[in-house]
Amino acid sequence: MSHKSRVFGDRPLAPETLMMGYGYDPTLSEGSIKAPIFQTSTFVFRSAEDGKRFFEVAYGLREKDPEEALGLIYSRINNPNLEILEDRLAVWDGADKALVFSSGMAAISTTILALSRPNDVVVYTAPAYGGTEYLFDRILPRMGVATVSVADDDCGAALTRAINAAAEQAKARGGRVAAVYVETPANPTNQLIDLEAAAAAIKALGQAEPPPLVVDNTFLGPLWQKPLAHGADLILYSLTKYVGGHSDLIAGACLGRADLMGRVAEMRTICGTITDPHTAWLLMRSLETLHIRMERSQVNAMELVKRLRGHPKVEGVLDAGGVETTPAQQAIFARQCTGTGSTFSLRLKGGEAEAFRMLNALKLFKLAVSLGGTESLVSHPSSTTHSDYSPEAKTRCGIGDNLVRLSVGIENVDDLYADLVQALDAI
C-alpha cells in the first residue's frame, strides 16, 4: 500500500487508522517507524536544475505539473515534518490542503491578510476568542479593512442582515466583503452558528467573487463538527488545543479549498508564520491519540454536565445544543454536530466574588486559560480572555462576571465531580 493511499483494497481507511502512517515512507528515513525530526533550515539540491524548478513552483513562476511534488527548499517554505502533518490534518476534514502555523493567531491573521485588502469589509460573529476580536477590531482597521461584528440569533437572521449590511458598506468604500468569519461553538458561551444559513446568505449576495466562509472549528473539530460539509470554504484551528492535546506546544492550522489555500500559503511564506519541525513532530504524535482523548474527554464532560444541572449554586449550564438551549440551537446541533465536545461553561448564582471563591477552591481543575488538554482546566473569561470587552459587549454576548468556563480532561470523572462540588460549596 502506498504511503499516500487512503484505501485498503476497496475499503476506505478511517482517519484514526491513517494517523499511524499516512504521508510517510519509512524507506526514505532508514526504516524508522516514526518520522525523524528534520531539524534543518535549508535543503541540498541534487542539481542546479532542480533548484530552478523548485523555485519556479514555490514563487508561482509556473504551474506545478499534476504529479510534481513541491521540492524541499527552506524550512520557512516547507519541511518533511510539516508536509506529513499537513497531509494527515487534511484527512480529518476532507480538505484539499492543510497548512500549519506557529500559533492559532498566526493561522487566523495570515489567513485574513491573504483574503483582504484596503477598503474591504470582514464580517465576524461574536463572542469570539479574545485575540481574534482584537485583530478584527483594532488591527484590521489600521490597514483600511473595516469589520462588522454580529452576535447572531438562533435562526441566522442577524448574521444574514450583517452580511447584507457589510456588502452595502463595502460598495460605498469601493471594496468587497472579503470574508465571513464564524466561530462555532462560540467561546465561551457555546452558542452555535448555522453554517448552511451563513453559506446561503453569502451566495445570495451575488458578488462576482463570493467571500469565503471561514470557520474557527477549535472547540469541536475535527471529530465532532465538519464545517466543509456544511458550506464552509476554510477551517481554522488552534492546534494548541485538542489536536496538540498535552498543553506542551503552540500551533495553528488552516484547511480548505485548494485555490484559497494557495493564497494563504503565499502569505505564510512571506510572513514567515510557519511552525517549526519539532512542533510538527509533536503534533504528529498527538494525532495518533486524538480520537481517544477527545472521546474520553467528551464522556467526562457529558457526565459532569448531567450532574451539575440543577445544582443549587449553578444558575445555568452552557453546552453546545444542550437541553437548556433554545429549540433552534438544538436543531442546528442536530444538523451540524456529532458531539458536544468537552468544553462548557457554568453561570453561577452571584457575581465575580462568588466565581472567584469557587475558582480559588478548586484542587484538581487547574486555573488557567486554554483548553483541550489531557488535564482539566477552568477559567474566568470576563476577567481574562475577554477582559477587553466593554461592559455593553459583555452583556450583548452573554459573558457575565458569574461565568466560568471548564475544559474537561481525561481524569477520573468522579474525582472531577467531587472537586467541583467542594468548590461550589465554598461560594
Protein backbone atom coordinates (compact mmCIF):
# COMPACT_ATOMS: atom_id res chain seq x y z
CA MET A 1 0.00 0.00 0.00
CA SER A 2 1.33 3.45 -0.93
CA HIS A 3 2.25 5.81 1.90
CA LYS A 4 -0.31 8.19 0.35
CA SER A 5 -3.10 5.64 -0.07
CA ARG A 6 -6.36 6.16 1.80
CA VAL A 7 -7.84 2.78 0.91
CA PHE A 8 -7.12 -0.85 1.76
CA GLY A 9 -8.39 -2.82 -1.20
CA ASP A 10 -11.90 -1.48 -1.66
CA ARG A 11 -12.13 -0.27 1.94
CA PRO A 12 -11.66 3.45 2.71
CA LEU A 13 -9.44 3.78 5.76
CA ALA A 14 -10.66 5.77 8.77
CA PRO A 15 -8.76 8.89 9.85
CA GLU A 16 -7.60 7.29 13.12
CA THR A 17 -6.01 4.48 11.09
CA LEU A 18 -4.36 6.87 8.64
CA MET A 19 -2.77 8.82 11.51
CA MET A 20 -0.35 5.93 12.07
CA GLY A 21 1.48 6.22 8.78
CA TYR A 22 -0.25 8.30 6.12
CA GLY A 23 2.09 10.57 4.17
CA TYR A 24 5.31 8.95 5.47
CA ASP A 25 7.55 6.40 3.75
CA PRO A 26 9.92 4.70 6.26
CA THR A 27 12.26 3.60 3.44
CA LEU A 28 13.23 7.25 2.92
CA SER A 29 14.35 7.55 6.57
CA GLU A 30 16.47 4.46 7.27
CA GLY A 31 13.36 2.41 8.02
CA SER A 32 12.42 4.46 11.10
CA ILE A 33 8.84 3.59 12.05
CA LYS A 34 8.25 7.20 13.08
CA ALA A 35 9.31 10.17 11.01
CA PRO A 36 12.56 11.71 12.28
CA ILE A 37 12.67 15.40 13.16
CA PHE A 38 14.08 17.21 10.14
CA GLN A 39 15.72 19.94 12.21
CA THR A 40 17.22 21.89 9.35
CA SER A 41 16.97 25.36 7.93
CA THR A 42 17.79 24.52 4.32
CA PHE A 43 17.86 21.56 1.92
CA VAL A 44 20.52 20.49 -0.59
CA PHE A 45 19.52 20.39 -4.25
CA ARG A 46 20.66 17.42 -6.29
CA SER A 47 21.34 19.75 -9.21
CA ALA A 48 21.12 23.39 -10.22
CA GLU A 49 18.24 22.42 -12.49
CA ASP A 50 16.32 21.03 -9.51
CA GLY A 51 16.83 24.26 -7.59
CA LYS A 52 15.50 26.26 -10.51
CA ARG A 53 12.42 24.04 -10.86
CA PHE A 54 11.66 24.15 -7.14
CA PHE A 55 11.79 27.96 -7.00
CA GLU A 56 9.69 28.33 -10.14
CA VAL A 57 6.88 26.47 -8.42
CA ALA A 58 7.41 27.98 -4.96
CA TYR A 59 7.33 31.56 -6.29
CA GLY A 60 4.49 30.99 -8.75
CA LEU A 61 6.60 31.45 -11.87
CA ARG A 62 4.95 28.38 -13.42
CA GLU A 63 2.17 25.95 -12.63
CA LYS A 64 3.17 22.73 -10.90
CA ASP A 65 2.75 19.62 -13.03
CA PRO A 66 -0.07 17.35 -11.75
CA GLU A 67 2.32 14.67 -10.46
CA GLU A 68 5.10 17.06 -9.43
CA ALA A 69 5.89 17.39 -5.72
CA LEU A 70 6.91 20.73 -4.25
CA GLY A 71 10.65 20.36 -3.84
CA LEU A 72 12.25 20.94 -0.46
CA ILE A 73 13.92 24.36 -0.36
CA TYR A 74 13.94 26.06 3.04
CA SER A 75 12.02 25.38 6.26
CA ARG A 76 10.20 28.73 6.09
CA ILE A 77 8.54 27.35 2.95
CA ASN A 78 8.29 23.61 3.54
CA ASN A 79 9.77 20.77 5.57
CA PRO A 80 9.15 16.99 5.60
CA ASN A 81 7.66 17.05 9.10
CA LEU A 82 5.25 19.79 8.15
CA GLU A 83 4.24 18.11 4.91
CA ILE A 84 3.43 14.82 6.64
CA LEU A 85 1.49 16.65 9.35
CA GLU A 86 -0.46 18.70 6.80
CA ASP A 87 -1.37 15.58 4.82
CA ARG A 88 -2.76 13.98 7.98
CA LEU A 89 -4.65 17.05 9.14
CA ALA A 90 -6.38 17.35 5.77
CA VAL A 91 -7.68 13.78 6.13
CA TRP A 92 -9.86 14.58 9.15
CA ASP A 93 -11.87 17.36 7.48
CA GLY A 94 -11.73 16.11 3.90
CA ALA A 95 -9.87 19.29 2.88
CA ASP A 96 -7.95 19.80 -0.37
CA LYS A 97 -4.97 21.06 1.60
CA ALA A 98 -3.84 21.97 5.09
CA LEU A 99 -1.21 24.45 6.26
CA VAL A 100 0.26 24.68 9.76
CA PHE A 101 1.35 27.82 11.58
CA SER A 102 3.30 28.90 14.63
CA SER A 103 0.10 29.59 16.61
CA GLY A 104 -3.65 29.73 16.22
CA MET A 105 -3.48 33.51 15.93
CA ALA A 106 -0.78 33.17 13.25
CA ALA A 107 -3.18 30.98 11.27
CA ILE A 108 -6.07 33.43 11.73
CA SER A 109 -4.13 36.61 10.97
CA THR A 110 -2.25 35.14 7.99
CA THR A 111 -5.48 33.82 6.50
CA ILE A 112 -7.37 37.09 6.90
CA LEU A 113 -4.44 39.09 5.48
CA ALA A 114 -4.38 36.76 2.48
CA LEU A 115 -8.08 37.29 1.85
CA SER A 116 -8.49 41.03 2.42
CA ARG A 117 -7.23 44.31 1.03
CA PRO A 118 -7.84 48.01 1.84
CA ASN A 119 -11.50 49.15 1.62
CA ASP A 120 -12.78 45.61 2.14
CA VAL A 121 -15.14 44.59 4.93
CA VAL A 122 -14.90 41.46 7.10
CA VAL A 123 -17.97 40.14 8.93
CA TYR A 124 -17.42 38.14 12.11
CA THR A 125 -19.58 36.55 14.78
CA ALA A 126 -19.28 37.42 18.47
CA PRO A 127 -18.38 36.35 21.02
CA ALA A 128 -15.11 35.00 19.70
CA TYR A 129 -11.68 34.29 21.09
CA GLY A 130 -10.22 37.49 22.53
CA GLY A 131 -7.20 37.57 20.21
CA THR A 132 -9.46 37.19 17.19
CA GLU A 133 -11.63 40.11 18.24
CA TYR A 134 -8.53 42.23 18.91
CA LEU A 135 -7.30 41.54 15.37
CA PHE A 136 -10.65 42.44 13.84
CA ASP A 137 -11.48 45.45 16.00
CA ARG A 138 -8.07 47.07 16.43
CA ILE A 139 -5.56 45.82 13.84
CA LEU A 140 -7.50 45.44 10.59
CA PRO A 141 -8.98 48.99 10.68
CA ARG A 142 -5.41 50.38 10.77
CA MET A 143 -4.87 48.61 7.43
CA GLY A 144 -8.01 50.05 5.85
CA VAL A 145 -10.15 46.93 6.37
CA ALA A 146 -13.48 47.55 8.10
CA THR A 147 -15.14 44.91 10.27
CA VAL A 148 -18.74 44.19 11.23
CA SER A 149 -19.37 42.26 14.44
CA VAL A 150 -22.64 40.41 14.97
CA ALA A 151 -23.99 38.48 17.93
CA ASP A 152 -26.04 36.03 15.89
CA ASP A 153 -29.53 34.94 16.85
CA ASP A 154 -30.82 31.40 16.78
CA CYS A 155 -32.17 31.40 13.24
CA GLY A 156 -29.22 33.07 11.48
CA ALA A 157 -31.23 36.18 10.60
CA ALA A 158 -28.88 38.55 12.41
CA LEU A 159 -25.85 37.19 10.56
CA THR A 160 -27.68 37.42 7.24
CA ARG A 161 -28.54 41.07 7.94
CA ALA A 162 -24.92 41.78 8.90
CA ILE A 163 -23.63 40.19 5.67
CA ASN A 164 -26.03 42.29 3.59
CA ALA A 165 -25.12 45.46 5.51
CA ALA A 166 -21.42 44.72 5.04
CA ALA A 167 -21.97 44.38 1.29
CA GLU A 168 -23.53 47.85 1.18
CA GLN A 169 -20.71 49.27 3.28
CA ALA A 170 -18.08 47.62 1.07
CA LYS A 171 -19.74 49.01 -2.07
CA ALA A 172 -19.64 52.52 -0.62
CA ARG A 173 -15.95 52.07 0.24
CA GLY A 174 -15.05 50.71 -3.18
CA GLY A 175 -14.19 47.30 -1.76
CA ARG A 176 -15.74 43.87 -1.23
CA VAL A 177 -16.89 41.65 1.56
CA ALA A 178 -13.56 39.87 1.97
CA ALA A 179 -14.66 37.09 4.33
CA VAL A 180 -17.38 35.95 6.70
CA TYR A 181 -15.70 34.64 9.84
CA VAL A 182 -17.60 32.33 12.18
CA GLU A 183 -16.56 30.80 15.48
CA THR A 184 -18.90 27.95 16.34
CA PRO A 185 -19.44 26.98 19.08
CA ALA A 186 -18.66 30.46 20.36
CA ASN A 187 -16.06 30.99 23.07
CA PRO A 188 -17.09 30.90 25.94
CA THR A 189 -20.90 30.63 25.58
CA ASN A 190 -21.09 27.62 23.22
CA GLN A 191 -23.59 29.48 21.01
CA LEU A 192 -23.88 27.67 17.66
CA ILE A 193 -23.95 29.37 14.25
CA ASP A 194 -25.91 27.80 11.39
CA LEU A 195 -23.21 27.34 8.74
CA GLU A 196 -25.61 26.38 5.97
CA ALA A 197 -27.62 29.57 6.57
CA ALA A 198 -24.42 31.62 6.51
CA ALA A 199 -23.33 29.99 3.24
CA ALA A 200 -26.75 30.69 1.71
CA ALA A 201 -26.55 34.37 2.74
CA ILE A 202 -23.13 34.65 1.11
CA LYS A 203 -24.38 33.07 -2.10
CA ALA A 204 -27.37 35.42 -2.18
CA LEU A 205 -25.03 38.44 -2.30
CA GLY A 206 -24.31 37.72 -5.94
CA GLN A 207 -20.74 39.00 -5.50
CA ALA A 208 -18.58 38.09 -8.52
CA GLU A 209 -16.04 36.54 -6.17
CA PRO A 210 -18.11 35.32 -3.21
CA PRO A 211 -16.45 35.92 0.14
CA PRO A 212 -15.22 32.69 1.71
CA LEU A 213 -16.96 31.35 4.79
CA VAL A 214 -14.15 30.88 7.31
CA VAL A 215 -14.88 28.77 10.41
CA ASP A 216 -12.89 28.50 13.62
CA ASN A 217 -13.52 24.83 14.45
CA THR A 218 -11.29 24.61 17.52
CA PHE A 219 -13.99 23.69 20.06
CA LEU A 220 -15.48 20.67 18.25
CA GLY A 221 -13.12 19.75 15.45
CA PRO A 222 -12.03 17.72 13.85
CA LEU A 223 -14.11 14.91 15.41
CA TRP A 224 -17.46 16.47 16.28
CA GLN A 225 -18.00 19.04 13.50
CA LYS A 226 -17.10 19.07 9.78
CA PRO A 227 -17.63 22.65 8.51
CA LEU A 228 -16.65 21.93 4.89
CA ALA A 229 -19.63 19.59 4.65
CA HIS A 230 -21.95 22.46 5.65
CA GLY A 231 -20.80 25.15 3.23
CA ALA A 232 -17.56 26.44 4.75
CA ASP A 233 -14.61 27.22 2.48
CA LEU A 234 -11.82 27.38 5.06
CA ILE A 235 -11.37 25.92 8.55
CA LEU A 236 -9.09 27.36 11.22
CA TYR A 237 -7.71 25.61 14.30
CA SER A 238 -5.70 26.43 17.32
CA LEU A 239 -3.75 23.16 17.26
CA THR A 240 -2.57 24.13 20.72
CA LYS A 241 -5.90 22.85 22.00
CA TYR A 242 -7.38 19.41 21.25
CA VAL A 243 -5.11 18.41 18.37
CA GLY A 244 -1.94 19.07 20.38
CA GLY A 245 -3.81 17.97 23.45
CA HIS A 246 -0.99 17.93 26.01
CA SER A 247 -0.55 21.64 26.84
CA ASP A 248 3.04 21.49 25.65
CA LEU A 249 3.04 23.30 22.29
CA ILE A 250 1.67 26.31 20.40
CA ALA A 251 0.48 25.91 16.80
CA GLY A 252 -2.37 26.61 14.40
CA ALA A 253 -3.76 25.41 11.08
CA CYS A 254 -5.82 26.47 8.08
CA LEU A 255 -7.52 23.88 5.85
CA GLY A 256 -9.81 24.05 2.87
CA ARG A 257 -10.27 24.73 -0.82
CA ALA A 258 -7.17 24.47 -2.98
CA ASP A 259 -7.50 27.88 -4.66
CA LEU A 260 -7.90 29.74 -1.37
CA MET A 261 -5.17 27.70 0.28
CA GLY A 262 -2.75 28.83 -2.42
CA ARG A 263 -3.29 32.44 -1.37
CA VAL A 264 -2.84 31.55 2.29
CA ALA A 265 0.34 29.60 1.51
CA GLU A 266 1.80 32.59 -0.31
CA MET A 267 1.12 34.85 2.67
CA ARG A 268 2.55 32.31 5.12
CA THR A 269 5.78 32.05 3.12
CA ILE A 270 6.29 35.81 3.02
CA CYS A 271 5.18 36.50 6.62
CA GLY A 272 7.16 33.54 7.95
CA THR A 273 4.33 32.30 10.18
CA ILE A 274 5.03 28.61 9.58
CA THR A 275 5.56 26.34 12.59
CA ASP A 276 8.85 24.55 13.35
CA PRO A 277 9.78 20.89 12.66
CA HIS A 278 9.85 19.84 16.31
CA THR A 279 6.36 21.20 16.95
CA ALA A 280 5.14 19.45 13.79
CA TRP A 281 6.67 16.20 15.07
CA LEU A 282 4.89 16.60 18.41
CA LEU A 283 1.60 17.22 16.61
CA MET A 284 2.03 14.03 14.59
CA ARG A 285 2.48 12.20 17.89
CA SER A 286 -0.71 13.79 19.20
CA LEU A 287 -2.78 12.95 16.12
CA GLU A 288 -2.30 9.24 16.84
CA THR A 289 -4.37 9.53 20.04
CA LEU A 290 -6.67 12.41 19.06
CA HIS A 291 -9.85 10.34 18.79
CA ILE A 292 -9.20 8.51 22.07
CA ARG A 293 -8.51 11.71 24.01
CA MET A 294 -11.46 13.64 22.57
CA GLU A 295 -13.85 10.73 23.11
CA ARG A 296 -12.80 10.26 26.76
CA SER A 297 -12.91 13.98 27.49
CA GLN A 298 -16.38 14.26 25.97
CA VAL A 299 -17.71 11.33 28.02
CA ASN A 300 -16.37 13.00 31.18
CA ALA A 301 -17.83 16.38 30.25
CA MET A 302 -21.25 14.98 29.44
CA GLU A 303 -21.38 13.27 32.83
CA LEU A 304 -20.37 16.46 34.64
CA VAL A 305 -22.97 18.48 32.73
CA LYS A 306 -25.67 15.99 33.73
CA ARG A 307 -24.66 16.10 37.40
CA LEU A 308 -24.24 19.89 37.59
CA ARG A 309 -27.61 20.79 36.08
CA GLY A 310 -29.89 21.82 38.89
CA HIS A 311 -27.10 22.27 41.44
CA PRO A 312 -28.26 24.92 43.94
CA LYS A 313 -25.22 27.13 43.26
CA VAL A 314 -25.49 26.88 39.45
CA GLU A 315 -27.80 29.20 37.52
CA GLY A 316 -27.23 27.53 34.15
CA VAL A 317 -25.03 25.14 32.17
CA LEU A 318 -23.90 26.29 28.71
CA ASP A 319 -23.10 23.33 26.47
CA ALA A 320 -23.44 23.11 22.70
CA GLY A 321 -27.02 22.28 21.75
CA GLY A 322 -27.83 21.27 25.33
CA VAL A 323 -31.24 20.95 26.94
CA GLU A 324 -31.04 24.50 28.32
CA THR A 325 -30.58 25.98 24.85
CA THR A 326 -33.40 27.02 22.53
CA PRO A 327 -35.09 24.60 20.11
CA ALA A 328 -33.35 26.45 17.25
CA GLN A 329 -29.94 25.85 18.82
CA GLN A 330 -30.78 22.19 19.33
CA ALA A 331 -31.85 21.92 15.68
CA ILE A 332 -28.54 23.42 14.49
CA PHE A 333 -26.68 20.98 16.70
CA ALA A 334 -28.62 18.02 15.28
CA ARG A 335 -27.80 19.05 11.69
CA GLN A 336 -24.24 20.21 12.14
CA CYS A 337 -22.57 18.41 15.04
CA THR A 338 -21.95 14.81 16.04
CA GLY A 339 -20.81 15.53 19.60
CA THR A 340 -20.88 18.19 22.29
CA GLY A 341 -17.15 18.25 22.91
CA SER A 342 -15.69 18.72 26.37
CA THR A 343 -15.63 22.49 26.91
CA PHE A 344 -18.67 24.05 28.58
CA SER A 345 -19.46 26.97 30.88
CA LEU A 346 -21.36 27.48 34.12
CA ARG A 347 -23.34 30.52 35.13
CA LEU A 348 -23.09 30.67 38.90
CA LYS A 349 -25.57 32.27 41.25
CA GLY A 350 -23.84 35.51 42.20
CA GLY A 351 -21.14 37.56 40.53
CA GLU A 352 -17.37 37.88 40.35
CA ALA A 353 -16.84 37.38 44.10
CA GLU A 354 -18.72 34.07 44.07
CA ALA A 355 -16.96 32.94 40.88
CA PHE A 356 -13.54 33.73 42.35
CA ARG A 357 -14.33 31.84 45.57
CA MET A 358 -15.27 28.80 43.53
CA LEU A 359 -12.20 29.07 41.29
CA ASN A 360 -9.81 29.51 44.19
CA ALA A 361 -11.23 26.46 45.97
CA LEU A 362 -10.61 24.02 43.11
CA LYS A 363 -7.89 21.42 43.68
CA LEU A 364 -7.87 19.16 40.60
CA PHE A 365 -9.04 21.63 37.96
CA LYS A 366 -6.12 23.90 37.05
CA LEU A 367 -6.89 27.63 36.95
CA ALA A 368 -5.52 28.55 33.52
CA VAL A 369 -6.60 29.78 30.11
CA SER A 370 -6.54 27.46 27.08
CA LEU A 371 -8.47 24.23 26.65
CA GLY A 372 -8.34 20.79 25.09
CA GLY A 373 -5.51 19.32 27.15
CA THR A 374 -5.43 15.98 28.91
CA GLU A 375 -5.79 17.84 32.21
CA SER A 376 -8.94 19.69 33.25
CA LEU A 377 -8.75 23.49 33.16
CA VAL A 378 -11.02 26.27 34.38
CA SER A 379 -11.03 29.99 33.62
CA HIS A 380 -12.96 33.21 34.23
CA PRO A 381 -13.45 34.75 30.75
CA SER A 382 -14.77 38.14 31.91
CA SER A 383 -11.54 38.98 33.76
CA THR A 384 -9.07 37.18 31.47
CA THR A 385 -9.58 36.19 27.82
CA HIS A 386 -12.48 38.62 27.26
CA SER A 387 -11.39 41.33 29.69
CA ASP A 388 -11.03 43.94 26.94
CA TYR A 389 -14.73 43.67 26.08
CA SER A 390 -16.75 46.72 27.05
CA PRO A 391 -19.49 46.14 29.65
CA GLU A 392 -22.04 46.55 26.86
CA ALA A 393 -20.30 43.95 24.68
CA LYS A 394 -20.12 41.51 27.58
CA THR A 395 -23.84 41.90 28.17
CA ARG A 396 -24.63 41.56 24.47
CA CYS A 397 -22.56 38.38 24.21
CA GLY A 398 -23.65 36.83 27.49
CA ILE A 399 -20.26 36.97 29.21
CA GLY A 400 -21.12 37.82 32.80
CA ASP A 401 -18.90 38.04 35.85
CA ASN A 402 -20.60 34.88 37.10
CA LEU A 403 -19.49 32.81 34.08
CA VAL A 404 -16.75 30.20 34.44
CA ARG A 405 -15.50 28.02 31.57
CA LEU A 406 -14.41 24.43 32.05
CA SER A 407 -12.26 22.33 29.73
CA VAL A 408 -12.67 18.74 30.91
CA GLY A 409 -9.74 16.36 30.62
CA ILE A 410 -9.31 12.61 30.86
CA GLU A 411 -9.08 12.19 34.65
CA ASN A 412 -11.50 10.06 36.65
CA VAL A 413 -14.89 11.76 36.35
CA ASP A 414 -15.93 11.04 39.94
CA ASP A 415 -12.79 12.80 41.17
CA LEU A 416 -13.52 15.79 38.95
CA TYR A 417 -17.11 15.99 40.17
CA ALA A 418 -16.01 15.82 43.80
CA ASP A 419 -13.63 18.72 43.16
CA LEU A 420 -16.39 20.83 41.59
CA VAL A 421 -18.84 20.10 44.40
CA GLN A 422 -16.43 21.12 47.14
CA ALA A 423 -15.54 24.26 45.19
CA LEU A 424 -19.21 25.16 44.70
CA ASP A 425 -19.74 24.65 48.43
CA ALA A 426 -17.17 27.43 49.00
CA ILE A 427 -19.42 30.03 47.36
